[in-house]
C-alpha atoms as a PDB file:
ATOM      1  CA  MET A   1     -37.237-106.604 138.137  1.00  0.00           C
ATOM      2  CA  LYS A   2     -34.374-104.803 136.468  1.00  0.00           C
ATOM      3  CA  GLN A   3     -33.934-101.190 137.536  1.00  0.00           C
ATOM      4  CA  ILE A   4     -34.116 -98.605 134.734  1.00  0.00           C
ATOM      5  CA  ASN A   5     -31.029 -96.478 134.362  1.00  0.00           C
ATOM      6  CA  SER A   6     -31.911 -92.829 134.912  1.00  0.00           C
ATOM      7  CA  LYS A   7     -29.147 -91.567 132.613  1.00  0.00           C
ATOM      8  CA  PRO A   8     -30.410 -89.921 129.412  1.00  0.00           C
ATOM      9  CA  LEU A   9     -30.355 -91.880 126.189  1.00  0.00           C
ATOM     10  CA  HIS A  10     -27.253 -91.571 124.071  1.00  0.00           C
ATOM     11  CA  GLU A  11     -27.568 -88.210 122.353  1.00  0.00           C
ATOM     12  CA  GLY A  12     -26.225 -89.285 118.971  1.00  0.00           C
ATOM     13  CA  LEU A  13     -27.161 -87.436 115.814  1.00  0.00           C
ATOM     14  CA  ALA A  14     -30.041 -89.771 114.959  1.00  0.00           C
ATOM     15  CA  VAL A  15     -31.599 -89.288 118.413  1.00  0.00           C
ATOM     16  CA  ILE A  16     -31.197 -85.512 118.188  1.00  0.00           C
ATOM     17  CA  VAL A  17     -32.765 -85.370 114.718  1.00  0.00           C
ATOM     18  CA  SER A  18     -35.618 -87.571 115.959  1.00  0.00           C
ATOM     19  CA  ARG A  19     -36.240 -85.232 118.899  1.00  0.00           C
ATOM     20  CA  ILE A  20     -36.218 -82.177 116.629  1.00  0.00           C
ATOM     21  CA  HIS A  21     -38.694 -83.900 114.300  1.00  0.00           C
ATOM     22  CA  ARG A  22     -40.953 -84.768 117.222  1.00  0.00           C
ATOM     23  CA  ALA A  23     -40.826 -81.168 118.499  1.00  0.00           C
ATOM     24  CA  SER A  24     -41.597 -79.903 114.996  1.00  0.00           C
ATOM     25  CA  SER A  25     -44.549 -82.288 114.670  1.00  0.00           C
ATOM     26  CA  ILE A  26     -45.986 -81.155 118.008  1.00  0.00           C
ATOM     27  CA  PHE A  27     -45.521 -77.487 117.088  1.00  0.00           C
ATOM     28  CA  MET A  28     -47.209 -77.936 113.687  1.00  0.00           C
ATOM     29  CA  ALA A  29     -50.060 -80.013 115.179  1.00  0.00           C
ATOM     30  CA  GLN A  30     -50.817 -77.202 117.619  1.00  0.00           C
ATOM     31  CA  LYS A  31     -50.701 -74.542 114.904  1.00  0.00           C
ATOM     32  CA  MET A  32     -52.856 -76.572 112.487  1.00  0.00           C
ATOM     33  CA  ALA A  33     -55.390 -77.871 115.035  1.00  0.00           C
ATOM     34  CA  ASP A  34     -58.177 -75.607 113.715  1.00  0.00           C
ATOM     35  CA  TYR A  35     -57.910 -77.288 110.310  1.00  0.00           C
ATOM     36  CA  ALA A  36     -57.638 -80.880 111.627  1.00  0.00           C
ATOM     37  CA  VAL A  37     -54.487 -81.350 109.546  1.00  0.00           C
ATOM     38  CA  GLY A  38     -52.504 -84.338 110.759  1.00  0.00           C
ATOM     39  CA  PRO A  39     -48.758 -84.625 111.228  1.00  0.00           C
ATOM     40  CA  GLY A  40     -46.946 -84.078 107.968  1.00  0.00           C
ATOM     41  CA  GLN A  41     -50.108 -83.302 106.005  1.00  0.00           C
ATOM     42  CA  HIS A  42     -49.189 -79.628 105.864  1.00  0.00           C
ATOM     43  CA  ALA A  43     -46.496 -80.593 103.335  1.00  0.00           C
ATOM     44  CA  PHE A  44     -49.218 -81.773 100.928  1.00  0.00           C
ATOM     45  CA  LEU A  45     -51.071 -78.484 101.307  1.00  0.00           C
ATOM     46  CA  LEU A  46     -47.932 -76.460 100.663  1.00  0.00           C
ATOM     47  CA  ALA A  47     -47.050 -78.517  97.583  1.00  0.00           C
ATOM     48  CA  MET A  48     -50.508 -77.947  96.102  1.00  0.00           C
ATOM     49  CA  ARG A  49     -50.363 -74.257  96.991  1.00  0.00           C
ATOM     50  CA  ASP A  50     -47.084 -73.912  95.097  1.00  0.00           C
ATOM     51  CA  TYR A  51     -48.156 -76.151  92.178  1.00  0.00           C
ATOM     52  CA  PRO A  52     -51.945 -75.960  91.725  1.00  0.00           C
ATOM     53  CA  GLY A  53     -53.344 -78.914  89.803  1.00  0.00           C
ATOM     54  CA  MET A  54     -50.275 -81.071  90.275  1.00  0.00           C
ATOM     55  CA  HIS A  55     -50.657 -84.813  89.906  1.00  0.00           C
ATOM     56  CA  GLN A  56     -50.895 -87.038  92.946  1.00  0.00           C
ATOM     57  CA  GLU A  57     -47.868 -88.992  91.706  1.00  0.00           C
ATOM     58  CA  ASP A  58     -45.852 -85.772  91.495  1.00  0.00           C
ATOM     59  CA  ILE A  59     -46.660 -85.039  95.142  1.00  0.00           C
ATOM     60  CA  SER A  60     -45.355 -88.478  96.045  1.00  0.00           C
ATOM     61  CA  ARG A  61     -42.157 -87.896  94.104  1.00  0.00           C
ATOM     62  CA  MET A  62     -41.638 -84.331  95.359  1.00  0.00           C
ATOM     63  CA  LEU A  63     -42.111 -85.221  99.017  1.00  0.00           C
ATOM     64  CA  ARG A  64     -40.454 -88.648  98.680  1.00  0.00           C
ATOM     65  CA  ILE A  65     -43.453 -90.348 100.204  1.00  0.00           C
ATOM     66  CA  ASP A  66     -44.975 -93.697  99.253  1.00  0.00           C
ATOM     67  CA  LYS A  67     -47.826 -93.389  96.699  1.00  0.00           C
ATOM     68  CA  ALA A  68     -50.249 -95.370  98.860  1.00  0.00           C
ATOM     69  CA  TYR A  69     -49.648 -93.054 101.835  1.00  0.00           C
ATOM     70  CA  VAL A  70     -50.149 -89.995  99.614  1.00  0.00           C
ATOM     71  CA  THR A  71     -53.449 -91.431  98.378  1.00  0.00           C
ATOM     72  CA  ARG A  72     -54.661 -92.026 101.950  1.00  0.00           C
ATOM     73  CA  ALA A  73     -53.551 -88.582 103.153  1.00  0.00           C
ATOM     74  CA  LEU A  74     -55.156 -86.799 100.205  1.00  0.00           C
ATOM     75  CA  SER A  75     -58.382 -88.761 100.782  1.00  0.00           C
ATOM     76  CA  GLN A  76     -58.441 -87.526 104.378  1.00  0.00           C
ATOM     77  CA  LEU A  77     -57.762 -83.939 103.298  1.00  0.00           C
ATOM     78  CA  GLU A  78     -60.473 -84.262 100.651  1.00  0.00           C
ATOM     79  CA  GLN A  79     -62.980 -85.553 103.238  1.00  0.00           C
ATOM     80  CA  ARG A  80     -62.201 -82.485 105.376  1.00  0.00           C
ATOM     81  CA  GLY A  81     -62.945 -80.231 102.413  1.00  0.00           C
ATOM     82  CA  LEU A  82     -59.370 -78.958 102.053  1.00  0.00           C
ATOM     83  CA  VAL A  83     -58.480 -80.673  98.763  1.00  0.00           C
ATOM     84  CA  GLN A  84     -60.273 -81.456  95.533  1.00  0.00           C
ATOM     85  CA  ARG A  85     -59.053 -84.230  93.242  1.00  0.00           C
ATOM     86  CA  THR A  86     -60.172 -84.613  89.644  1.00  0.00           C
ATOM     87  CA  VAL A  87     -59.200 -86.929  86.797  1.00  0.00           C
ATOM     88  CA  ASP A  88     -56.713 -85.296  84.437  1.00  0.00           C
ATOM     89  CA  GLN A  89     -58.459 -84.860  81.084  1.00  0.00           C
ATOM     90  CA  ARG A  90     -55.196 -85.482  79.175  1.00  0.00           C
ATOM     91  CA  ASP A  91     -54.226 -88.574  81.184  1.00  0.00           C
ATOM     92  CA  LYS A  92     -57.219 -90.410  82.619  1.00  0.00           C
ATOM     93  CA  ARG A  93     -54.939 -92.432  84.932  1.00  0.00           C
ATOM     94  CA  ALA A  94     -53.722 -89.311  86.764  1.00  0.00           C
ATOM     95  CA  MET A  95     -55.435 -87.310  89.487  1.00  0.00           C
ATOM     96  CA  CYS A  96     -55.046 -83.512  89.579  1.00  0.00           C
ATOM     97  CA  CYS A  97     -54.959 -82.078  93.080  1.00  0.00           C
ATOM     98  CA  ARG A  98     -56.105 -78.581  94.008  1.00  0.00           C
ATOM     99  CA  LEU A  99     -56.749 -76.741  97.226  1.00  0.00           C
ATOM    100  CA  THR A 100     -60.270 -75.624  98.036  1.00  0.00           C
ATOM    101  CA  GLU A 101     -60.772 -72.194  99.578  1.00  0.00           C
ATOM    102  CA  PRO A 102     -60.487 -73.617 103.125  1.00  0.00           C
ATOM    103  CA  GLY A 103     -57.479 -75.635 101.912  1.00  0.00           C
ATOM    104  CA  GLN A 104     -55.805 -72.439 100.708  1.00  0.00           C
ATOM    105  CA  ALA A 105     -56.386 -70.880 104.135  1.00  0.00           C
ATOM    106  CA  ALA A 106     -54.909 -73.981 105.800  1.00  0.00           C
ATOM    107  CA  ALA A 107     -51.880 -73.885 103.468  1.00  0.00           C
ATOM    108  CA  ASP A 108     -51.343 -70.200 104.253  1.00  0.00           C
ATOM    109  CA  GLU A 109     -51.511 -70.998 107.976  1.00  0.00           C
ATOM    110  CA  ALA A 110     -49.051 -73.872 107.499  1.00  0.00           C
ATOM    111  CA  ALA A 111     -46.613 -71.551 105.719  1.00  0.00           C
ATOM    112  CA  LEU A 112     -46.808 -69.055 108.598  1.00  0.00           C
ATOM    113  CA  ALA A 113     -46.353 -71.832 111.144  1.00  0.00           C
ATOM    114  CA  LEU A 114     -43.289 -73.166 109.307  1.00  0.00           C
ATOM    115  CA  GLU A 115     -41.801 -69.663 109.186  1.00  0.00           C
ATOM    116  CA  SER A 116     -42.348 -69.401 112.930  1.00  0.00           C
ATOM    117  CA  TRP A 117     -40.729 -72.806 113.514  1.00  0.00           C
ATOM    118  CA  GLN A 118     -37.795 -71.810 111.295  1.00  0.00           C
ATOM    119  CA  SER A 119     -37.346 -68.653 113.385  1.00  0.00           C
ATOM    120  CA  LYS A 120     -37.303 -70.727 116.566  1.00  0.00           C
ATOM    121  CA  LEU A 121     -34.634 -73.012 115.109  1.00  0.00           C
ATOM    122  CA  GLU A 122     -32.545 -70.072 113.924  1.00  0.00           C
ATOM    123  CA  ALA A 123     -32.776 -68.449 117.356  1.00  0.00           C
ATOM    124  CA  ALA A 124     -31.669 -71.679 119.024  1.00  0.00           C
ATOM    125  CA  LEU A 125     -28.761 -72.188 116.611  1.00  0.00           C
ATOM    126  CA  GLY A 126     -27.689 -68.580 116.275  1.00  0.00           C
ATOM    127  CA  ASP A 127     -27.935 -66.579 113.061  1.00  0.00           C
ATOM    128  CA  SER A 128     -24.276 -66.775 112.098  1.00  0.00           C
ATOM    129  CA  SER A 129     -24.215 -70.560 112.003  1.00  0.00           C
ATOM    130  CA  GLU A 130     -27.591 -71.186 110.327  1.00  0.00           C
ATOM    131  CA  HIS A 131     -26.193 -71.775 106.826  1.00  0.00           C
ATOM    132  CA  ILE A 132     -23.588 -74.197 108.186  1.00  0.00           C
ATOM    133  CA  HIS A 133     -26.199 -76.272 110.020  1.00  0.00           C
ATOM    134  CA  GLN A 134     -28.494 -76.295 107.007  1.00  0.00           C
ATOM    135  CA  ALA A 135     -25.660 -77.415 104.717  1.00  0.00           C
ATOM    136  CA  LEU A 136     -24.734 -80.227 107.107  1.00  0.00           C
ATOM    137  CA  LEU A 137     -28.310 -81.449 107.432  1.00  0.00           C
ATOM    138  CA  ASN A 138     -28.818 -81.256 103.656  1.00  0.00           C
ATOM    139  CA  ALA A 139     -25.721 -83.428 103.267  1.00  0.00           C
ATOM    140  CA  CYS A 140     -27.384 -85.998 105.538  1.00  0.00           C
ATOM    141  CA  ILE A 141     -30.469 -86.030 103.302  1.00  0.00           C
ATOM    142  CA  THR A 142     -28.366 -87.455 100.484  1.00  0.00           C
ATOM    143  CA  LEU A 143     -28.066 -90.612 102.589  1.00  0.00           C
ATOM    144  CA  GLU A 144     -31.615 -91.578 101.615  1.00  0.00           C
ATOM    145  CA  GLU A 145     -30.464 -91.633  97.993  1.00  0.00           C
ATOM    146  CA  ALA A 146     -27.461 -93.864  98.727  1.00  0.00           C
ATOM    147  CA  PRO A 147     -27.708 -97.556  97.747  1.00  0.00           C
END
């Protein structure tokens, strides 16, 4: 049997970003446990909080998430009583998404949790360099738009 090398994995940018994402997911899961909101679902709540009645397709576009995944996630949030979806009266093909009262509370909690996570990141990076790091990471996001 081949012995496993005990040296840490190569700490390239992709590995570091993956580890930060994993830490963020764990942090948010702990903060949102009372609402049974799964990983990444807080983004749906925040989108609907900021744009009440927005279409399901707009959520998909805004968050850059596959429509089928958005449909499944919203169904789960609806089953938990956090979201209400209704047919748009002007466009019968579209679904309008709104937060219920418990959904609003969950979205408010998610916003507080994200602020707390942001503070942790800023503390780790140092205040003076925060805008530089954010600009660099935003530049990396444009890679998803590249052909």
